[in-house]
Amino acid sequence: MHPGWFFLIAIESFTLGDKNFNLPGLGSYLGKAANQGNFGAIGWGLAVLIGVIIAIDFFIWQPLIAWVEKFKYQAVEATNVPQSKVLDFLRRSATLRVLKSRISPVGDSFDRHVARGFAPANLPTNPRQQSRLGNWINWLFVSGFAAIVLWGTWEAVLLLRLLSLSDWQKVMGGAFFTALRVICALFLSLLWTVPLGVAIGRNPRLAQILQPLVQIAASVPATALFPVLLLALVRGGGGLQIGSVALMMLGTMWYLLFNVIAGAQAIPSELFEAAQVYKLSLIQRWQTLILPGIFPYLITGIITAVGGAWNASIVSEYVQFKGEIIRTSGLGETISEATASGNFPLLLAATSVMSLLVVLTNRLVWRPLYRLAQEKYQLLV
C-alpha cells in the first residue's frame, strides 16, 4: 500500500495544461493546504491520515501477519511470534464459527455448479476444430495488439518530431541530474536500512515492537511531510537540491527495509547457532552469514527502490509551495513542468527517456546481480 499512499496527493490534485483536476479526499486536501502553506491544515490532515493507517494496520495487517505464522516451517519452535487481538477475537468468536459451518456447504455447492457451468459443452469436440478456433482467436488478438502498437508508435513519432534540439538537451541533462540523485538516495538509504532491518528480522521481540511502527511510518505519504521539510531546508540552506534527495529517500527506503527484514527472518536459526558454536566474530557473521543470506532479498529491494526513486523524482523536483513553484533541474522536473504546461511532446520524450533508463538499468545491472543472488546466495532449506 506504500506506493498508493506516497502518490496520494499527486493523483487527487494535479494540473494538465489549462485544466485542474481535483478529487475529494485527503490527498487533495493536503495538496491544497501545502500550496497555501497552511501548516495547521496539514497537521489535521496528517492526523486523520495516520489514524486511518493505524486502523488499517490494526484490523487488517496485524491479523494477517499473525495468521501467516502457521504457514512457516521452522525446525526450532519460534518464540515471541506476532500476536493480534483482532485475530484472537475472530478465533474465539462462536458466531463466526457458526457462520463458517453454514457457509462452507454453500461454497462447496457453488464450486460444483461453477465447475459444471464452465464445462466445455458448447465448444467443438473435434481436436482439429478446437485447434482452428484457438489459432483464429490468437491471430485476432495478436493482430489487434500489433495494430494498437503501430498506431501508438506512429503518433509518438509525430509528437517527438515537434521537439527542438534544446528540448532534447534539457531532457538528457535532466536525466543525468536525476540519476545522480537516485544513486545518492539509494546509497544513503542502504546505510541505515540494512543494519536496522537485520536487527528487526533477527529479534522477534524488537520486531513485534518496531515492525508495526515501521509499517505506519512507511504508509504516511512523504509528499504530505515535504512542505515542513522543505521549509526547514529553505531556512537552513540547501533548498530543493537536498530536499529532492530526501523525498526520494522517503519514497524508497521502506522497500529496502522490508526486504532486508524478510531476508533476515528467512535465515535459519540453526545457522546462527552454528556461528555461535564456531565463535565467529560479528564481522565474520556479517561476511559469511548475514550479507549472503539477505543478498537475494536486498537485490529485490534495490530494484524496487530504484524504480520508486525514479517515480518520486516527478514530485520531488517540482513542488508547489505557498503559491510558488520551487524546482531543481532533473527529469522529474521536466515531466512535471511539461504536464503543467500541456507540452505533450516534451512530456512524451521525458517519460520515454525515464522508462528507457529504468529498463536498461534493470537489464544491465540488476538482472545480472539478481541471477547471481539466485545461483550463489540462494538458501536451500
Protein backbone atom coordinates (compact mmCIF):
# COMPACT_ATOMS: atom_id res chain seq x y z
CA MET A 1 0.00 0.00 0.00
CA HIS A 2 3.01 2.25 0.41
CA PRO A 3 3.21 3.49 -3.23
CA GLY A 4 -0.51 4.31 -3.17
CA TRP A 5 -0.15 6.47 -0.05
CA PHE A 6 3.02 8.10 -1.43
CA PHE A 7 1.29 9.39 -4.55
CA LEU A 8 -1.97 10.20 -2.76
CA ILE A 9 -1.57 13.96 -3.23
CA ALA A 10 -0.33 13.71 -6.82
CA ILE A 11 -3.23 11.55 -8.04
CA GLU A 12 -6.02 13.51 -6.32
CA SER A 13 -4.89 17.00 -7.25
CA PHE A 14 -2.95 17.84 -10.43
CA THR A 15 -2.88 20.18 -13.41
CA LEU A 16 -2.78 19.13 -17.05
CA GLY A 17 -2.34 22.10 -19.34
CA ASP A 18 -5.13 24.59 -18.63
CA LYS A 19 -7.27 22.07 -16.74
CA ASN A 20 -7.21 21.44 -13.00
CA PHE A 21 -8.28 18.05 -11.68
CA ASN A 22 -9.30 17.69 -8.04
CA LEU A 23 -10.87 14.65 -6.43
CA PRO A 24 -12.45 14.74 -2.98
CA GLY A 25 -10.12 13.12 -0.49
CA LEU A 26 -7.26 13.58 1.93
CA GLY A 27 -4.77 13.85 -0.93
CA SER A 28 -6.38 16.90 -2.50
CA TYR A 29 -6.94 18.39 0.97
CA LEU A 30 -3.25 18.04 1.87
CA GLY A 31 -2.18 19.29 -1.55
CA LYS A 32 -4.30 22.43 -1.20
CA ALA A 33 -3.03 23.01 2.33
CA ALA A 34 0.59 22.63 1.19
CA ASN A 35 0.05 25.00 -1.73
CA GLN A 36 -1.37 27.59 0.67
CA GLY A 37 1.32 26.98 3.29
CA ASN A 38 -1.38 26.23 5.89
CA PHE A 39 0.56 24.11 8.39
CA GLY A 40 -2.43 23.81 10.71
CA ALA A 41 -4.49 22.19 7.96
CA ILE A 42 -1.53 19.97 7.06
CA GLY A 43 -1.32 18.84 10.69
CA TRP A 44 -5.02 17.96 10.89
CA GLY A 45 -4.89 16.16 7.56
CA LEU A 46 -1.87 14.14 8.65
CA ALA A 47 -3.56 13.29 11.96
CA VAL A 48 -6.60 11.88 10.17
CA LEU A 49 -4.42 10.05 7.65
CA ILE A 50 -2.27 8.47 10.36
CA GLY A 51 -5.44 7.43 12.19
CA VAL A 52 -6.69 5.68 9.05
CA ILE A 53 -3.33 3.97 8.57
CA ILE A 54 -3.23 2.78 12.20
CA ALA A 55 -6.78 1.42 11.91
CA ILE A 56 -5.91 -0.48 8.71
CA ASP A 57 -2.78 -1.86 10.34
CA PHE A 58 -4.66 -2.95 13.48
CA PHE A 59 -7.68 -4.51 11.79
CA ILE A 60 -6.06 -5.93 8.62
CA TRP A 61 -2.27 -6.22 8.54
CA GLN A 62 -1.57 -7.34 12.11
CA PRO A 63 -4.14 -10.17 11.91
CA LEU A 64 -2.71 -11.26 8.55
CA ILE A 65 0.87 -11.19 9.84
CA ALA A 66 -0.12 -13.24 12.88
CA TRP A 67 -2.16 -15.65 10.75
CA VAL A 68 0.60 -16.44 8.23
CA GLU A 69 2.87 -17.61 11.05
CA LYS A 70 1.16 -21.00 10.94
CA PHE A 71 2.48 -21.50 7.37
CA LYS A 72 6.14 -21.04 8.37
CA TYR A 73 8.34 -24.08 8.68
CA GLN A 74 10.93 -23.97 11.48
CA ALA A 75 12.86 -26.84 12.99
CA VAL A 76 13.18 -24.87 16.22
CA GLU A 77 10.00 -23.62 17.87
CA ALA A 78 9.79 -19.85 17.50
CA THR A 79 9.34 -17.54 20.45
CA ASN A 80 7.64 -14.18 20.60
CA VAL A 81 5.59 -14.82 17.46
CA PRO A 82 3.44 -11.91 16.22
CA GLN A 83 0.12 -11.58 18.01
CA SER A 84 -3.13 -9.88 17.05
CA LYS A 85 -6.06 -9.14 19.31
CA VAL A 86 -8.38 -9.00 16.30
CA LEU A 87 -7.27 -12.46 15.16
CA ASP A 88 -7.66 -13.85 18.67
CA PHE A 89 -11.18 -12.43 18.83
CA LEU A 90 -12.08 -13.96 15.46
CA ARG A 91 -10.73 -17.34 16.53
CA ARG A 92 -12.76 -17.30 19.76
CA SER A 93 -15.95 -15.98 18.16
CA ALA A 94 -18.73 -18.59 18.34
CA THR A 95 -20.84 -16.60 15.88
CA LEU A 96 -18.15 -16.76 13.20
CA ARG A 97 -17.72 -20.49 13.72
CA VAL A 98 -21.45 -21.00 13.18
CA LEU A 99 -21.38 -18.81 10.05
CA LYS A 100 -18.38 -20.74 8.71
CA SER A 101 -20.11 -24.06 9.26
CA ARG A 102 -23.16 -22.82 7.34
CA ILE A 103 -21.27 -21.04 4.57
CA SER A 104 -18.85 -23.90 3.79
CA PRO A 105 -21.57 -26.23 2.34
CA VAL A 106 -22.92 -23.34 0.26
CA GLY A 107 -19.43 -22.61 -1.05
CA ASP A 108 -18.85 -26.24 -1.97
CA SER A 109 -22.17 -26.36 -3.81
CA PHE A 110 -21.31 -23.12 -5.62
CA ASP A 111 -17.95 -24.55 -6.71
CA ARG A 112 -19.65 -27.64 -8.13
CA HIS A 113 -22.17 -25.51 -10.07
CA VAL A 114 -19.38 -23.28 -11.39
CA ALA A 115 -17.37 -26.31 -12.46
CA ARG A 116 -20.37 -27.68 -14.34
CA GLY A 117 -21.15 -24.29 -15.83
CA PHE A 118 -17.64 -23.97 -17.27
CA ALA A 119 -17.70 -27.45 -18.75
CA PRO A 120 -16.91 -27.19 -22.47
CA ALA A 121 -20.34 -28.41 -23.58
CA ASN A 122 -20.80 -25.88 -26.37
CA LEU A 123 -17.23 -25.95 -27.65
CA PRO A 124 -16.17 -28.05 -30.62
CA THR A 125 -15.27 -31.59 -29.63
CA ASN A 126 -13.15 -32.25 -32.72
CA PRO A 127 -9.47 -31.56 -31.89
CA ARG A 128 -8.90 -30.09 -35.37
CA GLN A 129 -11.83 -27.70 -34.92
CA GLN A 130 -10.57 -26.71 -31.48
CA SER A 131 -7.11 -26.04 -32.94
CA ARG A 132 -8.57 -23.85 -35.71
CA LEU A 133 -10.67 -21.91 -33.21
CA GLY A 134 -7.65 -21.36 -30.95
CA ASN A 135 -5.48 -20.24 -33.88
CA TRP A 136 -8.16 -17.82 -35.05
CA ILE A 137 -8.52 -16.28 -31.56
CA ASN A 138 -4.73 -15.96 -31.21
CA TRP A 139 -4.43 -14.35 -34.65
CA LEU A 140 -7.20 -11.89 -33.84
CA PHE A 141 -5.59 -10.93 -30.53
CA VAL A 142 -2.08 -10.56 -31.98
CA SER A 143 -3.33 -8.54 -34.95
CA GLY A 144 -5.31 -6.16 -32.76
CA PHE A 145 -2.39 -5.70 -30.37
CA ALA A 146 0.03 -5.10 -33.26
CA ALA A 147 -2.30 -2.52 -34.79
CA ILE A 148 -2.52 -0.65 -31.46
CA VAL A 149 1.28 -0.70 -31.07
CA LEU A 150 1.86 0.56 -34.62
CA TRP A 151 -0.70 3.32 -34.24
CA GLY A 152 0.78 4.42 -30.91
CA THR A 153 4.32 4.37 -32.31
CA TRP A 154 3.30 6.50 -35.29
CA GLU A 155 1.57 9.05 -33.06
CA ALA A 156 4.63 9.15 -30.79
CA VAL A 157 6.95 9.79 -33.74
CA LEU A 158 4.75 12.65 -34.90
CA LEU A 159 4.87 14.22 -31.43
CA LEU A 160 8.63 13.79 -31.00
CA ARG A 161 9.29 15.49 -34.34
CA LEU A 162 7.98 18.72 -32.81
CA LEU A 163 10.83 18.89 -30.29
CA SER A 164 13.82 21.15 -30.81
CA LEU A 165 17.46 20.42 -30.05
CA SER A 166 17.26 22.48 -26.84
CA ASP A 167 14.35 20.33 -25.66
CA TRP A 168 16.37 17.16 -26.11
CA GLN A 169 19.34 18.75 -24.33
CA LYS A 170 17.07 19.60 -21.42
CA VAL A 171 15.77 16.03 -21.26
CA MET A 172 19.25 14.47 -21.37
CA GLY A 173 20.67 16.91 -18.82
CA GLY A 174 17.72 16.29 -16.55
CA ALA A 175 18.22 12.53 -16.85
CA PHE A 176 21.84 12.92 -15.70
CA PHE A 177 20.97 15.01 -12.63
CA THR A 178 18.07 12.77 -11.63
CA ALA A 179 20.24 9.66 -11.98
CA LEU A 180 22.77 11.21 -9.57
CA ARG A 181 20.01 11.90 -7.03
CA VAL A 182 18.67 8.35 -7.38
CA ILE A 183 22.14 6.93 -6.66
CA CYS A 184 22.60 9.23 -3.65
CA ALA A 185 19.17 8.34 -2.24
CA LEU A 186 19.87 4.62 -2.68
CA PHE A 187 23.29 4.80 -1.03
CA LEU A 188 22.08 6.85 1.94
CA SER A 189 19.09 4.53 2.42
CA LEU A 190 21.30 1.43 2.41
CA LEU A 191 23.48 2.85 5.17
CA TRP A 192 20.74 2.55 7.79
CA THR A 193 18.14 0.14 6.41
CA VAL A 194 20.50 -2.86 6.24
CA PRO A 195 21.64 -2.85 9.91
CA LEU A 196 18.18 -1.91 11.22
CA GLY A 197 16.43 -4.47 9.02
CA VAL A 198 18.74 -7.24 10.20
CA ALA A 199 18.22 -6.20 13.84
CA ILE A 200 14.43 -6.27 13.43
CA GLY A 201 14.44 -9.51 11.45
CA ARG A 202 16.60 -11.41 13.94
CA ASN A 203 14.99 -10.13 17.14
CA PRO A 204 11.33 -11.23 17.41
CA ARG A 205 10.69 -9.01 20.43
CA LEU A 206 12.14 -5.97 18.64
CA ALA A 207 10.16 -6.89 15.51
CA GLN A 208 6.92 -7.05 17.49
CA ILE A 209 7.53 -3.51 18.74
CA LEU A 210 9.08 -1.80 15.73
CA GLN A 211 7.52 -3.53 12.73
CA PRO A 212 4.02 -2.03 13.22
CA LEU A 213 5.60 1.39 13.76
CA VAL A 214 7.69 1.00 10.61
CA GLN A 215 4.62 -0.05 8.62
CA ILE A 216 2.72 3.01 9.82
CA ALA A 217 5.66 5.32 9.11
CA ALA A 218 6.08 3.82 5.62
CA SER A 219 2.40 4.39 4.82
CA VAL A 220 2.47 8.10 5.71
CA PRO A 221 2.93 9.84 2.32
CA ALA A 222 6.24 11.68 2.22
CA THR A 223 4.69 14.31 -0.03
CA ALA A 224 2.48 15.36 2.89
CA LEU A 225 5.52 15.84 5.14
CA PHE A 226 7.52 17.52 2.41
CA PRO A 227 6.26 21.10 2.99
CA VAL A 228 7.57 21.05 6.56
CA LEU A 229 10.86 19.50 5.42
CA LEU A 230 11.17 21.97 2.56
CA LEU A 231 10.55 24.95 4.83
CA ALA A 232 13.34 23.78 7.15
CA LEU A 233 15.70 23.29 4.22
CA VAL A 234 14.92 26.68 2.74
CA ARG A 235 15.64 28.36 6.07
CA GLY A 236 18.74 26.28 6.81
CA GLY A 237 20.13 26.25 3.28
CA GLY A 238 20.15 23.60 0.60
CA GLY A 239 16.62 24.05 -0.71
CA LEU A 240 15.28 21.56 -3.19
CA GLN A 241 18.74 20.30 -4.17
CA ILE A 242 18.87 18.41 -0.86
CA GLY A 243 15.11 18.21 -0.40
CA SER A 244 14.62 16.21 -3.59
CA VAL A 245 17.11 13.57 -2.41
CA ALA A 246 15.40 13.48 0.99
CA LEU A 247 11.99 12.95 -0.61
CA MET A 248 13.41 10.20 -2.84
CA MET A 249 14.76 8.52 0.29
CA LEU A 250 11.35 8.73 1.96
CA GLY A 251 9.87 7.05 -1.09
CA THR A 252 12.49 4.29 -1.46
CA MET A 253 14.00 3.33 1.89
CA TRP A 254 10.94 1.37 3.02
CA TYR A 255 11.29 -1.06 0.10
CA LEU A 256 14.84 -1.79 1.25
CA LEU A 257 13.92 -2.07 4.92
CA PHE A 258 11.04 -4.50 4.45
CA ASN A 259 13.05 -6.73 2.12
CA VAL A 260 16.02 -6.78 4.49
CA ILE A 261 13.69 -7.71 7.37
CA ALA A 262 12.22 -10.54 5.28
CA GLY A 263 15.71 -11.72 4.31
CA ALA A 264 16.95 -11.72 7.90
CA GLN A 265 13.87 -13.64 9.05
CA ALA A 266 14.41 -16.23 6.29
CA ILE A 267 17.89 -17.17 7.52
CA PRO A 268 17.51 -20.42 9.50
CA SER A 269 18.18 -20.07 13.21
CA GLU A 270 20.39 -23.17 13.04
CA LEU A 271 22.97 -21.21 11.04
CA PHE A 272 23.22 -18.57 13.77
CA GLU A 273 23.58 -21.32 16.35
CA ALA A 274 26.41 -22.81 14.28
CA ALA A 275 28.06 -19.38 14.12
CA GLN A 276 27.95 -19.22 17.91
CA VAL A 277 29.41 -22.71 18.19
CA TYR A 278 32.32 -21.78 15.93
CA LYS A 279 32.69 -18.48 17.82
CA LEU A 280 32.57 -16.27 14.74
CA SER A 281 33.09 -12.58 15.40
CA LEU A 282 30.46 -10.00 14.47
CA ILE A 283 32.35 -9.04 11.30
CA GLN A 284 32.71 -12.70 10.31
CA ARG A 285 28.99 -13.28 10.85
CA TRP A 286 28.16 -10.38 8.56
CA GLN A 287 30.62 -11.56 5.90
CA THR A 288 29.82 -15.28 5.88
CA LEU A 289 26.18 -15.46 7.01
CA ILE A 290 24.13 -12.28 7.18
CA LEU A 291 25.09 -10.50 3.94
CA PRO A 292 24.99 -13.68 1.81
CA GLY A 293 21.69 -14.64 3.48
CA ILE A 294 19.94 -11.33 2.80
CA PHE A 295 21.58 -10.72 -0.59
CA PRO A 296 18.69 -12.04 -2.77
CA TYR A 297 16.17 -10.03 -0.75
CA LEU A 298 18.42 -6.97 -0.81
CA ILE A 299 18.68 -7.06 -4.61
CA THR A 300 14.89 -7.34 -4.85
CA GLY A 301 14.55 -4.34 -2.53
CA ILE A 302 17.11 -2.33 -4.52
CA ILE A 303 15.33 -2.99 -7.81
CA THR A 304 12.03 -1.83 -6.35
CA ALA A 305 13.62 1.10 -4.53
CA VAL A 306 15.37 2.43 -7.64
CA GLY A 307 12.12 2.30 -9.58
CA GLY A 308 10.40 4.11 -6.72
CA ALA A 309 13.14 6.76 -6.68
CA TRP A 310 12.67 7.50 -10.37
CA ASN A 311 8.92 7.82 -9.80
CA ALA A 312 9.48 10.00 -6.74
CA SER A 313 11.58 12.40 -8.81
CA ILE A 314 8.38 13.58 -10.51
CA VAL A 315 7.04 15.01 -7.24
CA SER A 316 10.38 15.88 -5.61
CA GLU A 317 11.95 18.10 -8.28
CA TYR A 318 8.92 20.31 -8.96
CA VAL A 319 6.97 21.43 -5.89
CA GLN A 320 4.15 23.94 -5.41
CA PHE A 321 4.56 25.59 -2.00
CA LYS A 322 2.85 28.73 -0.69
CA GLY A 323 1.59 29.60 -4.15
CA GLU A 324 5.08 29.41 -5.63
CA ILE A 325 6.79 26.78 -7.74
CA ILE A 326 10.13 25.52 -6.42
CA ARG A 327 12.14 23.41 -8.83
CA THR A 328 15.52 21.87 -9.45
CA SER A 329 16.93 20.57 -12.72
CA GLY A 330 16.04 16.98 -13.42
CA LEU A 331 13.97 14.59 -15.47
CA GLY A 332 11.15 14.65 -12.90
CA GLU A 333 11.08 18.43 -13.07
CA THR A 334 10.83 18.24 -16.87
CA ILE A 335 7.90 15.81 -16.67
CA SER A 336 6.05 17.89 -14.08
CA GLU A 337 6.62 21.14 -15.96
CA ALA A 338 5.53 19.60 -19.26
CA THR A 339 2.40 18.22 -17.58
CA ALA A 340 1.52 21.57 -16.02
CA SER A 341 2.02 23.46 -19.29
CA GLY A 342 0.41 20.83 -21.51
CA ASN A 343 3.60 20.31 -23.54
CA PHE A 344 2.81 16.76 -24.65
CA PRO A 345 5.83 16.26 -26.97
CA LEU A 346 8.22 17.16 -24.14
CA LEU A 347 6.21 15.04 -21.71
CA LEU A 348 6.44 12.05 -24.04
CA ALA A 349 10.18 12.49 -24.56
CA ALA A 350 10.98 12.82 -20.84
CA THR A 351 8.74 9.87 -19.91
CA SER A 352 10.25 7.71 -22.66
CA VAL A 353 13.82 8.51 -21.58
CA MET A 354 12.97 7.73 -17.94
CA SER A 355 11.39 4.41 -18.91
CA LEU A 356 14.36 3.56 -21.13
CA LEU A 357 16.84 4.30 -18.33
CA VAL A 358 14.93 2.13 -15.87
CA VAL A 359 14.73 -0.76 -18.35
CA LEU A 360 18.43 -0.52 -19.29
CA THR A 361 19.46 -0.39 -15.63
CA ASN A 362 17.38 -3.47 -14.88
CA ARG A 363 18.82 -5.34 -17.87
CA LEU A 364 22.48 -4.39 -17.50
CA VAL A 365 22.88 -4.08 -13.71
CA TRP A 366 20.11 -5.55 -11.61
CA ARG A 367 19.32 -8.65 -13.68
CA PRO A 368 22.92 -10.00 -13.53
CA LEU A 369 23.01 -9.29 -9.79
CA TYR A 370 19.64 -10.98 -9.32
CA ARG A 371 20.87 -14.01 -11.27
CA LEU A 372 23.97 -14.09 -9.07
CA ALA A 373 21.77 -13.94 -5.98
CA GLN A 374 19.68 -16.88 -7.19
CA GLU A 375 22.60 -19.06 -8.25
CA LYS A 376 25.16 -18.37 -5.50
CA TYR A 377 23.39 -16.98 -2.44
CA GLN A 378 20.02 -18.73 -2.52
CA LEU A 379 19.35 -20.52 0.79
CA LEU A 380 18.02 -24.03 0.25
CA VAL A 381 16.15 -25.33 3.29
